[in-house]
Amino acid sequence: MTPRIPRQEEFINSRSADAERILDQLIILVFEMAEIAPVLIDPDVRNEDVLDACVSILELNQQLMNYAEHREFAMEFEQMLNGMVVMIEGMIAAEQGEARNGEDGGRAAN
């Protein structure tokens, strides 16, 4: 547990209701992103599930852009996520192409 220091106490006691609401919203966003993130690092997850996770995080990231102090980070994060989406869509298309080629090859052998 983090020890309480006077500055922390001052910050905790001085937050307005509006600041409290904003902090609560940011905490919810972070937890929602954290729940989705494990999909991105699990090697056994299908590419379609990774794509869905990226799209979900992109949607949450849009909410983060509403906060001026986080907008720059959110914009850079969005660029990275968009790059991942393009890459994963390409991987899915390649998998589907390989599957079609495999089916066509099987028919040709018959």
N, C-alpha and C. Protein backbone atom coordinates (compact mmCIF):
# COMPACT_ATOMS: atom_id res chain seq x y z
N MET A 1 0.84 -1.17 0.00
CA MET A 1 0.00 0.00 0.00
C MET A 1 0.89 1.24 0.00
N THR A 2 0.52 2.21 -0.78
CA THR A 2 1.29 3.44 -0.89
C THR A 2 1.10 4.28 0.37
N PRO A 3 2.19 4.72 0.97
CA PRO A 3 2.04 5.57 2.15
C PRO A 3 1.42 6.91 1.77
N ARG A 4 0.60 7.41 2.63
CA ARG A 4 -0.04 8.71 2.38
C ARG A 4 0.96 9.82 2.70
N ILE A 5 1.02 10.75 1.80
CA ILE A 5 1.88 11.90 2.02
C ILE A 5 1.01 13.14 1.98
N PRO A 6 1.42 14.23 2.59
CA PRO A 6 0.58 15.43 2.66
C PRO A 6 0.05 15.89 1.30
N ARG A 7 0.88 15.82 0.26
CA ARG A 7 0.44 16.28 -1.05
C ARG A 7 -0.69 15.41 -1.58
N GLN A 8 -0.60 14.10 -1.34
CA GLN A 8 -1.67 13.19 -1.75
C GLN A 8 -2.96 13.56 -1.04
N GLU A 9 -2.87 13.78 0.26
CA GLU A 9 -4.05 14.14 1.04
C GLU A 9 -4.67 15.43 0.50
N GLU A 10 -3.82 16.40 0.20
CA GLU A 10 -4.31 17.67 -0.32
C GLU A 10 -5.04 17.46 -1.65
N PHE A 11 -4.45 16.63 -2.51
CA PHE A 11 -5.08 16.35 -3.81
C PHE A 11 -6.42 15.65 -3.62
N ILE A 12 -6.43 14.64 -2.78
CA ILE A 12 -7.66 13.88 -2.54
C ILE A 12 -8.75 14.78 -1.99
N ASN A 13 -8.41 15.64 -1.06
CA ASN A 13 -9.41 16.51 -0.43
C ASN A 13 -9.83 17.68 -1.30
N SER A 14 -9.02 18.05 -2.29
CA SER A 14 -9.33 19.25 -3.08
C SER A 14 -10.06 18.96 -4.39
N ARG A 15 -10.29 17.70 -4.71
CA ARG A 15 -10.93 17.38 -5.99
C ARG A 15 -12.39 17.81 -5.98
N SER A 16 -12.77 18.46 -7.05
CA SER A 16 -14.16 18.88 -7.20
C SER A 16 -14.99 17.68 -7.64
N ALA A 17 -16.30 17.83 -7.59
CA ALA A 17 -17.19 16.76 -8.03
C ALA A 17 -16.96 16.46 -9.51
N ASP A 18 -16.70 17.51 -10.30
CA ASP A 18 -16.45 17.33 -11.73
C ASP A 18 -15.15 16.55 -11.94
N ALA A 19 -14.11 16.91 -11.20
CA ALA A 19 -12.84 16.20 -11.31
C ALA A 19 -13.00 14.75 -10.88
N GLU A 20 -13.79 14.53 -9.86
CA GLU A 20 -14.06 13.17 -9.38
C GLU A 20 -14.76 12.34 -10.46
N ARG A 21 -15.72 12.94 -11.14
CA ARG A 21 -16.46 12.26 -12.21
C ARG A 21 -15.52 11.91 -13.36
N ILE A 22 -14.67 12.86 -13.74
CA ILE A 22 -13.71 12.63 -14.83
C ILE A 22 -12.74 11.51 -14.46
N LEU A 23 -12.23 11.54 -13.24
CA LEU A 23 -11.32 10.50 -12.79
C LEU A 23 -12.00 9.14 -12.82
N ASP A 24 -13.24 9.08 -12.36
CA ASP A 24 -14.00 7.82 -12.40
C ASP A 24 -14.15 7.31 -13.82
N GLN A 25 -14.44 8.20 -14.76
CA GLN A 25 -14.59 7.80 -16.17
C GLN A 25 -13.27 7.27 -16.73
N LEU A 26 -12.18 7.94 -16.39
CA LEU A 26 -10.87 7.48 -16.87
C LEU A 26 -10.52 6.12 -16.30
N ILE A 27 -10.83 5.91 -15.04
CA ILE A 27 -10.55 4.62 -14.41
C ILE A 27 -11.35 3.52 -15.09
N ILE A 28 -12.61 3.79 -15.39
CA ILE A 28 -13.45 2.80 -16.09
C ILE A 28 -12.86 2.48 -17.46
N LEU A 29 -12.43 3.51 -18.20
CA LEU A 29 -11.82 3.29 -19.52
C LEU A 29 -10.58 2.41 -19.41
N VAL A 30 -9.74 2.70 -18.44
CA VAL A 30 -8.50 1.93 -18.27
C VAL A 30 -8.83 0.47 -17.95
N PHE A 31 -9.79 0.24 -17.06
CA PHE A 31 -10.16 -1.13 -16.72
C PHE A 31 -10.77 -1.87 -17.91
N GLU A 32 -11.58 -1.19 -18.70
CA GLU A 32 -12.17 -1.82 -19.88
C GLU A 32 -11.09 -2.19 -20.88
N MET A 33 -10.12 -1.31 -21.08
CA MET A 33 -9.01 -1.63 -21.99
C MET A 33 -8.19 -2.79 -21.44
N ALA A 34 -7.97 -2.81 -20.14
CA ALA A 34 -7.18 -3.87 -19.52
C ALA A 34 -7.87 -5.22 -19.64
N GLU A 35 -9.20 -5.25 -19.65
CA GLU A 35 -9.92 -6.50 -19.81
C GLU A 35 -9.77 -7.05 -21.23
N ILE A 36 -9.63 -6.17 -22.19
CA ILE A 36 -9.52 -6.58 -23.60
C ILE A 36 -8.08 -6.95 -23.96
N ALA A 37 -7.12 -6.30 -23.37
CA ALA A 37 -5.71 -6.42 -23.75
C ALA A 37 -5.16 -7.85 -23.78
N PRO A 38 -5.53 -8.75 -22.87
CA PRO A 38 -4.95 -10.11 -22.92
C PRO A 38 -5.17 -10.81 -24.26
N VAL A 39 -6.23 -10.48 -24.95
CA VAL A 39 -6.49 -11.08 -26.27
C VAL A 39 -5.34 -10.75 -27.22
N LEU A 40 -4.76 -9.58 -27.07
CA LEU A 40 -3.72 -9.12 -27.99
C LEU A 40 -2.40 -9.88 -27.83
N ILE A 41 -2.20 -10.52 -26.69
CA ILE A 41 -0.92 -11.20 -26.46
C ILE A 41 -1.04 -12.71 -26.39
N ASP A 42 -2.25 -13.25 -26.49
CA ASP A 42 -2.46 -14.69 -26.43
C ASP A 42 -2.17 -15.29 -27.80
N PRO A 43 -1.14 -16.15 -27.92
CA PRO A 43 -0.79 -16.69 -29.23
C PRO A 43 -1.84 -17.65 -29.79
N ASP A 44 -2.75 -18.13 -28.95
CA ASP A 44 -3.75 -19.10 -29.40
C ASP A 44 -5.06 -18.47 -29.84
N VAL A 45 -5.14 -17.15 -29.78
CA VAL A 45 -6.38 -16.45 -30.14
C VAL A 45 -6.44 -16.29 -31.66
N ARG A 46 -7.63 -16.49 -32.20
CA ARG A 46 -7.83 -16.33 -33.65
C ARG A 46 -7.63 -14.86 -34.04
N ASN A 47 -7.19 -14.64 -35.26
CA ASN A 47 -6.98 -13.28 -35.76
C ASN A 47 -8.27 -12.46 -35.74
N GLU A 48 -9.40 -13.11 -35.99
CA GLU A 48 -10.68 -12.40 -35.95
C GLU A 48 -10.96 -11.84 -34.56
N ASP A 49 -10.58 -12.60 -33.52
CA ASP A 49 -10.77 -12.13 -32.14
C ASP A 49 -9.82 -10.98 -31.82
N VAL A 50 -8.61 -11.04 -32.35
CA VAL A 50 -7.66 -9.94 -32.15
C VAL A 50 -8.18 -8.68 -32.84
N LEU A 51 -8.73 -8.85 -34.04
CA LEU A 51 -9.31 -7.72 -34.77
C LEU A 51 -10.46 -7.10 -33.97
N ASP A 52 -11.34 -7.95 -33.43
CA ASP A 52 -12.44 -7.45 -32.60
C ASP A 52 -11.93 -6.68 -31.39
N ALA A 53 -10.86 -7.19 -30.76
CA ALA A 53 -10.28 -6.52 -29.60
C ALA A 53 -9.72 -5.16 -29.98
N CYS A 54 -9.04 -5.09 -31.12
CA CYS A 54 -8.49 -3.80 -31.58
C CYS A 54 -9.60 -2.79 -31.84
N VAL A 55 -10.67 -3.24 -32.47
CA VAL A 55 -11.79 -2.35 -32.76
C VAL A 55 -12.42 -1.87 -31.45
N SER A 56 -12.56 -2.76 -30.48
CA SER A 56 -13.13 -2.36 -29.18
C SER A 56 -12.25 -1.34 -28.48
N ILE A 57 -10.94 -1.56 -28.52
CA ILE A 57 -10.02 -0.61 -27.89
C ILE A 57 -10.05 0.73 -28.63
N LEU A 58 -10.17 0.69 -29.95
CA LEU A 58 -10.29 1.94 -30.72
C LEU A 58 -11.51 2.74 -30.27
N GLU A 59 -12.62 2.04 -30.04
CA GLU A 59 -13.83 2.73 -29.59
C GLU A 59 -13.63 3.35 -28.21
N LEU A 60 -12.98 2.62 -27.31
CA LEU A 60 -12.70 3.17 -25.98
C LEU A 60 -11.72 4.34 -26.08
N ASN A 61 -10.75 4.22 -26.98
CA ASN A 61 -9.76 5.28 -27.17
C ASN A 61 -10.42 6.57 -27.63
N GLN A 62 -11.48 6.47 -28.42
CA GLN A 62 -12.22 7.66 -28.85
C GLN A 62 -12.73 8.44 -27.64
N GLN A 63 -13.17 7.71 -26.61
CA GLN A 63 -13.64 8.38 -25.39
C GLN A 63 -12.49 9.09 -24.69
N LEU A 64 -11.31 8.49 -24.75
CA LEU A 64 -10.14 9.08 -24.11
C LEU A 64 -9.78 10.42 -24.75
N MET A 65 -10.09 10.57 -26.03
CA MET A 65 -9.78 11.82 -26.73
C MET A 65 -10.61 12.99 -26.23
N ASN A 66 -11.65 12.73 -25.46
CA ASN A 66 -12.46 13.80 -24.90
C ASN A 66 -11.72 14.58 -23.81
N TYR A 67 -10.61 14.04 -23.34
CA TYR A 67 -9.85 14.68 -22.26
C TYR A 67 -8.60 15.31 -22.85
N ALA A 68 -8.54 16.62 -22.80
CA ALA A 68 -7.45 17.37 -23.44
C ALA A 68 -6.07 16.87 -23.02
N GLU A 69 -5.91 16.54 -21.75
CA GLU A 69 -4.60 16.13 -21.26
C GLU A 69 -4.19 14.75 -21.77
N HIS A 70 -5.13 13.99 -22.34
CA HIS A 70 -4.81 12.65 -22.85
C HIS A 70 -4.95 12.56 -24.37
N ARG A 71 -5.36 13.65 -25.00
CA ARG A 71 -5.67 13.63 -26.43
C ARG A 71 -4.45 13.26 -27.29
N GLU A 72 -3.29 13.85 -26.99
CA GLU A 72 -2.10 13.56 -27.80
C GLU A 72 -1.75 12.07 -27.74
N PHE A 73 -1.77 11.51 -26.53
CA PHE A 73 -1.51 10.07 -26.39
C PHE A 73 -2.55 9.27 -27.16
N ALA A 74 -3.82 9.63 -27.00
CA ALA A 74 -4.91 8.89 -27.64
C ALA A 74 -4.78 8.93 -29.16
N MET A 75 -4.35 10.05 -29.71
CA MET A 75 -4.20 10.16 -31.15
C MET A 75 -3.06 9.26 -31.66
N GLU A 76 -1.96 9.22 -30.94
CA GLU A 76 -0.85 8.34 -31.33
C GLU A 76 -1.24 6.87 -31.16
N PHE A 77 -1.96 6.58 -30.08
CA PHE A 77 -2.43 5.22 -29.82
C PHE A 77 -3.38 4.77 -30.93
N GLU A 78 -4.23 5.69 -31.38
CA GLU A 78 -5.16 5.38 -32.46
C GLU A 78 -4.41 5.03 -33.74
N GLN A 79 -3.35 5.76 -34.05
CA GLN A 79 -2.56 5.46 -35.25
C GLN A 79 -1.96 4.05 -35.16
N MET A 80 -1.44 3.70 -33.99
CA MET A 80 -0.87 2.38 -33.80
C MET A 80 -1.94 1.30 -33.95
N LEU A 81 -3.11 1.52 -33.33
CA LEU A 81 -4.19 0.55 -33.42
C LEU A 81 -4.70 0.41 -34.85
N ASN A 82 -4.81 1.52 -35.57
CA ASN A 82 -5.24 1.46 -36.97
C ASN A 82 -4.25 0.64 -37.79
N GLY A 83 -2.97 0.80 -37.53
CA GLY A 83 -1.95 -0.01 -38.20
C GLY A 83 -2.12 -1.49 -37.90
N MET A 84 -2.42 -1.81 -36.64
CA MET A 84 -2.66 -3.20 -36.26
C MET A 84 -3.88 -3.75 -36.98
N VAL A 85 -4.94 -2.95 -37.06
CA VAL A 85 -6.16 -3.39 -37.74
C VAL A 85 -5.86 -3.73 -39.20
N VAL A 86 -5.14 -2.86 -39.88
CA VAL A 86 -4.79 -3.10 -41.28
C VAL A 86 -3.97 -4.37 -41.42
N MET A 87 -2.99 -4.56 -40.55
CA MET A 87 -2.15 -5.74 -40.59
C MET A 87 -2.97 -7.01 -40.35
N ILE A 88 -3.83 -6.98 -39.35
CA ILE A 88 -4.63 -8.16 -39.02
C ILE A 88 -5.64 -8.46 -40.12
N GLU A 89 -6.25 -7.42 -40.68
CA GLU A 89 -7.16 -7.64 -41.81
C GLU A 89 -6.43 -8.31 -42.97
N GLY A 90 -5.19 -7.91 -43.21
CA GLY A 90 -4.38 -8.55 -44.25
C GLY A 90 -4.10 -10.01 -43.94
N MET A 91 -3.81 -10.30 -42.67
CA MET A 91 -3.56 -11.68 -42.26
C MET A 91 -4.81 -12.53 -42.44
N ILE A 92 -5.96 -11.98 -42.06
CA ILE A 92 -7.22 -12.71 -42.21
C ILE A 92 -7.51 -12.97 -43.69
N ALA A 93 -7.31 -11.96 -44.52
CA ALA A 93 -7.53 -12.12 -45.96
C ALA A 93 -6.60 -13.19 -46.53
N ALA A 94 -5.35 -13.20 -46.09
CA ALA A 94 -4.40 -14.22 -46.56
C ALA A 94 -4.83 -15.61 -46.12
N GLU A 95 -5.29 -15.73 -44.86
CA GLU A 95 -5.77 -17.03 -44.37
C GLU A 95 -6.96 -17.50 -45.19
N GLN A 96 -7.88 -16.59 -45.47
CA GLN A 96 -9.06 -16.95 -46.25
C GLN A 96 -8.67 -17.34 -47.67
N GLY A 97 -7.69 -16.64 -48.24
CA GLY A 97 -7.19 -16.99 -49.58
C GLY A 97 -6.55 -18.36 -49.59
N GLU A 98 -5.76 -18.67 -48.57
CA GLU A 98 -5.13 -19.99 -48.46
C GLU A 98 -6.18 -21.07 -48.30
N ALA A 99 -7.22 -20.79 -47.51
CA ALA A 99 -8.28 -21.77 -47.31
C ALA A 99 -9.00 -22.04 -48.63
N ARG A 100 -9.28 -20.98 -49.40
CA ARG A 100 -9.94 -21.15 -50.70
C ARG A 100 -9.04 -21.94 -51.66
N ASN A 101 -7.75 -21.62 -51.65
CA ASN A 101 -6.82 -22.33 -52.53
C ASN A 101 -6.74 -23.80 -52.15
N GLY A 102 -6.78 -24.08 -50.87
CA GLY A 102 -6.76 -25.47 -50.41
C GLY A 102 -8.01 -26.22 -50.85
N GLU A 103 -9.16 -25.56 -50.79
CA GLU A 103 -10.40 -26.18 -51.24
C GLU A 103 -10.36 -26.42 -52.74
N ASP A 104 -9.87 -25.44 -53.49
CA ASP A 104 -9.78 -25.57 -54.95
C ASP A 104 -8.81 -26.68 -55.33
N GLY A 105 -7.71 -26.79 -54.62
CA GLY A 105 -6.73 -27.84 -54.89
C GLY A 105 -7.30 -29.21 -54.59
N GLY A 106 -8.10 -29.31 -53.55
CA GLY A 106 -8.74 -30.58 -53.20
C GLY A 106 -9.73 -31.01 -54.26
N ARG A 107 -10.46 -30.06 -54.82
CA ARG A 107 -11.42 -30.37 -55.88
C ARG A 107 -10.69 -30.81 -57.14
N ALA A 108 -9.57 -30.16 -57.43
CA ALA A 108 -8.81 -30.49 -58.64
C ALA A 108 -8.24 -31.90 -58.55
N ALA A 109 -7.88 -32.34 -57.36
CA ALA A 109 -7.31 -33.67 -57.17
C ALA A 109 -8.37 -34.75 -57.37
N ASN A 110 -9.63 -34.42 -57.14
CA ASN A 110 -10.70 -35.43 -57.29
C ASN A 110 -10.99 -35.60 -58.70
